[in-house]
Protein backbone atom coordinates (compact mmCIF):
# COMPACT_ATOMS: atom_id res chain seq x y z
CA MET A 1 75.49 91.41 93.71
CA GLN A 2 76.25 87.81 94.68
CA SER A 3 75.32 86.19 91.37
CA PRO A 4 78.42 86.45 89.11
CA GLY A 5 80.24 83.57 90.85
CA PRO A 6 77.40 81.03 90.66
CA LEU A 7 76.60 82.10 87.08
CA VAL A 8 80.21 81.59 86.00
CA PHE A 9 80.20 78.21 87.77
CA LEU A 10 77.01 77.14 85.95
CA CYS A 11 78.52 78.24 82.63
CA TYR A 12 81.64 76.24 83.48
CA LEU A 13 79.58 73.14 84.28
CA THR A 14 77.69 73.51 81.01
CA LEU A 15 80.94 73.96 79.09
CA ILE A 16 82.61 70.87 80.52
CA LYS A 17 79.45 68.84 79.94
CA TYR A 18 79.92 69.30 76.20
CA PHE A 19 83.70 69.85 76.14
CA PRO A 20 85.25 67.77 78.95
CA GLN A 21 88.76 68.57 77.70
CA TYR A 22 88.33 72.11 79.12
CA SER A 23 87.81 70.84 82.66
CA ILE A 24 90.02 72.55 85.25
CA SER A 25 91.05 70.30 88.08
CA ILE A 26 92.05 72.44 91.04
CA TYR A 27 91.57 69.70 93.62
CA PRO A 28 95.11 68.26 93.42
CA GLN A 29 96.38 71.76 94.29
CA LYS A 30 93.62 72.53 96.78
CA GLN A 31 96.00 73.87 99.43
CA THR A 32 97.71 76.21 96.99
CA VAL A 33 94.39 77.45 95.62
CA ALA A 34 93.01 78.03 99.12
CA VAL A 35 96.11 80.03 100.11
CA ILE A 36 95.88 82.12 96.93
CA LEU A 37 92.19 82.86 97.54
CA ALA A 38 92.79 83.78 101.18
CA THR A 39 95.70 86.04 100.20
CA PHE A 40 93.59 87.69 97.51
CA ALA A 41 90.75 88.41 99.94
CA PHE A 42 93.04 89.82 102.62
CA THR A 43 94.97 91.96 100.11
CA MET A 44 91.76 93.35 98.62
CA LEU A 45 90.63 94.41 102.09
CA GLY A 46 93.76 96.56 102.25
CA PHE A 47 93.11 97.86 98.75
CA LEU A 48 89.59 98.89 99.73
CA ALA A 49 91.00 100.80 102.72
CA ALA A 50 93.35 102.68 100.40
CA VAL A 51 90.63 103.41 97.85
CA ILE A 52 88.21 104.75 100.47
CA ALA A 53 90.99 107.05 101.70
CA LEU A 54 91.17 108.37 98.14
CA MET A 55 87.46 109.04 98.21
CA PHE A 56 87.69 111.01 101.43
CA THR A 57 90.03 113.48 99.72
CA ALA A 58 86.99 114.63 97.72
CA THR A 59 84.56 115.10 100.63
CA LYS A 60 84.63 118.88 100.43
CA SER A 61 83.92 118.99 96.72
CA GLN A 62 80.68 120.00 95.06
CA ALA A 63 80.46 116.64 93.26
CA PHE A 64 80.67 114.75 96.57
CA ASN A 65 77.97 116.95 98.11
CA MET A 66 75.65 116.34 95.15
CA TYR A 67 76.35 112.62 95.42
CA ASN A 68 75.40 112.80 99.09
CA LYS A 69 72.26 114.93 98.55
CA ARG A 70 70.88 112.52 95.96
CA GLY A 71 71.24 109.60 98.38
CA TYR A 72 73.87 107.82 96.34
CA LEU A 73 76.34 107.89 99.21
CA GLU A 74 74.16 105.62 101.37
CA THR A 75 73.85 103.15 98.52
CA PHE A 76 77.59 103.31 97.90
CA PHE A 77 78.42 102.60 101.53
CA PHE A 78 75.96 99.69 101.57
CA VAL A 79 77.77 98.20 98.57
CA TYR A 80 81.16 99.01 100.13
CA TYR A 81 80.27 97.21 103.38
CA MET A 82 78.84 94.31 101.41
CA VAL A 83 82.15 93.97 99.56
CA ILE A 84 84.04 93.96 102.86
CA ILE A 85 81.76 91.26 104.27
CA SER A 86 82.08 89.23 101.04
CA LEU A 87 85.88 89.45 101.22
CA ILE A 88 85.85 88.30 104.83
CA ILE A 89 83.59 85.39 103.87
CA THR A 90 85.95 84.45 101.03
CA PHE A 91 88.91 84.60 103.42
CA LEU A 92 87.13 82.41 105.97
CA LEU A 93 86.00 79.89 103.35
CA SER A 94 89.57 79.60 102.11
CA ILE A 95 90.97 79.15 105.59
CA PHE A 96 88.28 76.61 106.49
CA SER A 97 89.07 74.61 103.37
CA LEU A 98 92.65 74.35 104.67
CA ALA A 99 91.72 73.67 108.28
CA VAL A 100 89.08 70.97 107.97
CA SER A 101 89.19 67.72 106.10
CA PHE A 102 88.77 68.68 102.50
CA GLU A 103 85.26 69.14 101.25
CA PRO A 104 85.08 69.87 97.50
CA TRP A 105 82.04 72.15 97.87
CA LEU A 106 83.94 74.43 100.27
CA LEU A 107 86.62 75.25 97.71
CA ARG A 108 84.00 75.65 94.97
CA VAL A 109 82.09 78.17 97.09
CA ALA A 110 85.34 79.99 97.84
CA VAL A 111 86.13 80.26 94.12
CA MET A 112 82.59 81.48 93.38
CA SER A 113 82.89 84.02 96.16
CA THR A 114 86.22 85.21 94.73
CA ILE A 115 84.58 85.82 91.35
CA ASN A 116 81.88 87.84 93.13
CA ASN A 117 84.61 89.78 94.91
CA LEU A 118 86.31 90.65 91.64
CA VAL A 119 83.09 92.07 90.21
CA GLN A 120 82.32 93.95 93.43
CA ILE A 121 85.80 95.45 93.71
CA VAL A 122 85.70 96.64 90.10
CA LEU A 123 82.32 98.25 90.77
CA VAL A 124 83.43 100.02 93.97
CA THR A 125 86.72 101.15 92.43
CA PHE A 126 84.92 102.49 89.37
CA ILE A 127 82.51 104.48 91.55
CA ILE A 128 85.26 105.98 93.69
CA VAL A 129 87.53 106.86 90.78
CA ASN A 130 84.57 108.41 88.96
CA MET A 131 83.62 110.45 92.03
CA VAL A 132 87.18 111.70 92.59
CA ASP A 133 87.54 112.50 88.89
CA LYS A 134 84.36 114.62 88.98
CA ALA A 135 85.56 116.35 92.15
CA ILE A 136 88.88 117.22 90.55
CA SER A 137 87.35 118.38 87.26
CA LYS A 138 84.80 120.62 89.05
CA ASN A 139 87.49 122.18 91.24
CA GLU A 140 89.63 123.20 88.28
C-alpha cells in the first residue's frame, strides 16, 4: 500500500540515468511544491470525509450488510484509516520541509508519499462508489 511512490521514484531515477534531459528539478521551487503538497493532503482529508458520508447513506442496504458479513468492512476501514494517516504524514512532511532548513530528502519523501496518497484515494473512492452503486441497484 506504501510502494507506488518509491517505485515511481526508482523508475524516475532509472529514466534520468539514461535520459538526463527528462530530469525534473523541483528544488528551485521547493516552497511552492511543499505548499501544493500540503494543500493536496489537507484537501483530500476533507474529500475522504465527504466520501465516507456517501458510504453511510448505504448502511441499511442489503449490499452493505453482505459486505459487512463477509468481513470486507473491517478491511475497508483499515485501508481508510491508513489513507488518513498517510495524508497526515504527507501534510507534516510538506510543512516540515518549509519549516526546517531545506533537506532534499524531505521533499522527495513528501512527493513519494503524495503518489501513494493518490493511489490510496483512488482505491478507497472506487470501493465506496462501487458499494453505493450496488446498494442503489439492489434497492431498485
